[in-house]
Amino acid sequence: MRYLLGIFFLVLGIIGVIFPIIPGIPFLVIAGFLFGFLNEKQLLKFLKRFKNEDKNSKINKLINYAIIKYIHKRTAASNGK
């Protein structure tokens, strides 16, 4: 399933680079993470830098969701030990 999502984000990233309607670079970075080229720390560092000033934009909501999900997963795992 992880590779299927990686292919999906890779295609979205390529479409975003060719047609500048959607941001392509974040999708390429997420695909790199899903394929195992990047670790979680590098992914979060990039996504935090990519956020823009508009707090209600959909890309900011997606980035915030990814960050919260990762932090929640890490906090839940450390509390369970």
Protein backbone atom coordinates (compact mmCIF):
# COMPACT_ATOMS: atom_id res chain seq x y z
CA MET A 1 0.00 0.00 0.00
CA ARG A 2 2.90 2.35 0.79
CA TYR A 3 4.32 2.00 -2.72
CA LEU A 4 0.91 2.54 -4.28
CA LEU A 5 0.57 5.81 -2.37
CA GLY A 6 4.14 6.67 -3.37
CA ILE A 7 3.27 6.22 -7.04
CA PHE A 8 0.14 8.34 -6.58
CA PHE A 9 2.09 11.21 -4.99
CA LEU A 10 4.84 10.86 -7.59
CA VAL A 11 2.30 11.29 -10.39
CA LEU A 12 0.75 14.29 -8.60
CA GLY A 13 4.22 15.80 -8.16
CA ILE A 14 5.09 15.39 -11.84
CA ILE A 15 1.75 16.90 -12.86
CA GLY A 16 2.38 19.79 -10.43
CA VAL A 17 5.81 20.46 -11.93
CA ILE A 18 4.51 20.39 -15.51
CA PHE A 19 1.28 22.29 -14.83
CA PRO A 20 1.75 24.88 -12.06
CA ILE A 21 -1.87 24.61 -10.92
CA ILE A 22 -0.91 22.53 -7.89
CA PRO A 23 2.38 22.63 -5.99
CA GLY A 24 4.41 19.69 -7.28
CA ILE A 25 7.51 19.76 -5.09
CA PRO A 26 5.79 18.78 -1.79
CA PHE A 27 4.16 15.81 -3.50
CA LEU A 28 7.54 14.71 -4.88
CA VAL A 29 9.04 14.96 -1.39
CA ILE A 30 6.19 12.93 0.11
CA ALA A 31 6.69 10.32 -2.64
CA GLY A 32 10.41 10.23 -1.78
CA PHE A 33 9.49 9.57 1.85
CA LEU A 34 7.07 6.79 0.92
CA PHE A 35 9.67 5.14 -1.31
CA GLY A 36 12.22 5.32 1.51
CA PHE A 37 14.59 7.97 0.13
CA LEU A 38 13.88 10.43 2.98
CA ASN A 39 13.41 9.87 6.68
CA GLU A 40 10.61 11.38 8.77
CA LYS A 41 12.77 14.15 10.21
CA GLN A 42 13.77 15.41 6.74
CA LEU A 43 10.17 15.22 5.54
CA LEU A 44 8.84 17.26 8.46
CA LYS A 45 11.64 19.81 8.13
CA PHE A 46 10.76 20.38 4.47
CA LEU A 47 7.00 20.49 5.02
CA LYS A 48 7.37 23.09 7.78
CA ARG A 49 9.42 25.27 5.43
CA PHE A 50 6.89 24.93 2.62
CA LYS A 51 3.94 26.31 4.61
CA ASN A 52 2.71 29.70 3.41
CA GLU A 53 1.12 32.63 5.22
CA ASP A 54 -2.50 31.76 4.41
CA LYS A 55 -3.53 29.60 7.38
CA ASN A 56 -6.75 28.44 5.72
CA SER A 57 -5.20 27.15 2.50
CA LYS A 58 -5.67 23.49 1.69
CA ILE A 59 -1.94 22.83 1.35
CA ASN A 60 -1.35 24.22 4.87
CA LYS A 61 -4.14 22.02 6.22
CA LEU A 62 -2.58 18.97 4.54
CA ILE A 63 0.86 19.82 5.95
CA ASN A 64 -0.54 20.42 9.43
CA TYR A 65 -2.37 17.09 9.28
CA ALA A 66 0.84 15.26 8.35
CA ILE A 67 2.80 16.97 11.13
CA ILE A 68 0.12 16.34 13.77
CA LYS A 69 -0.27 12.71 12.72
CA TYR A 70 3.49 12.13 12.94
CA ILE A 71 3.85 13.85 16.32
CA HIS A 72 0.80 12.02 17.68
CA LYS A 73 2.19 8.68 16.48
CA ARG A 74 5.60 9.37 18.02
CA THR A 75 4.09 10.62 21.31
CA ALA A 76 1.72 7.66 21.56
CA ALA A 77 4.58 5.23 20.92
CA SER A 78 6.80 6.84 23.57
CA ASN A 79 3.96 6.89 26.13
CA GLY A 80 3.26 3.21 25.56
CA LYS A 81 6.80 2.16 26.47
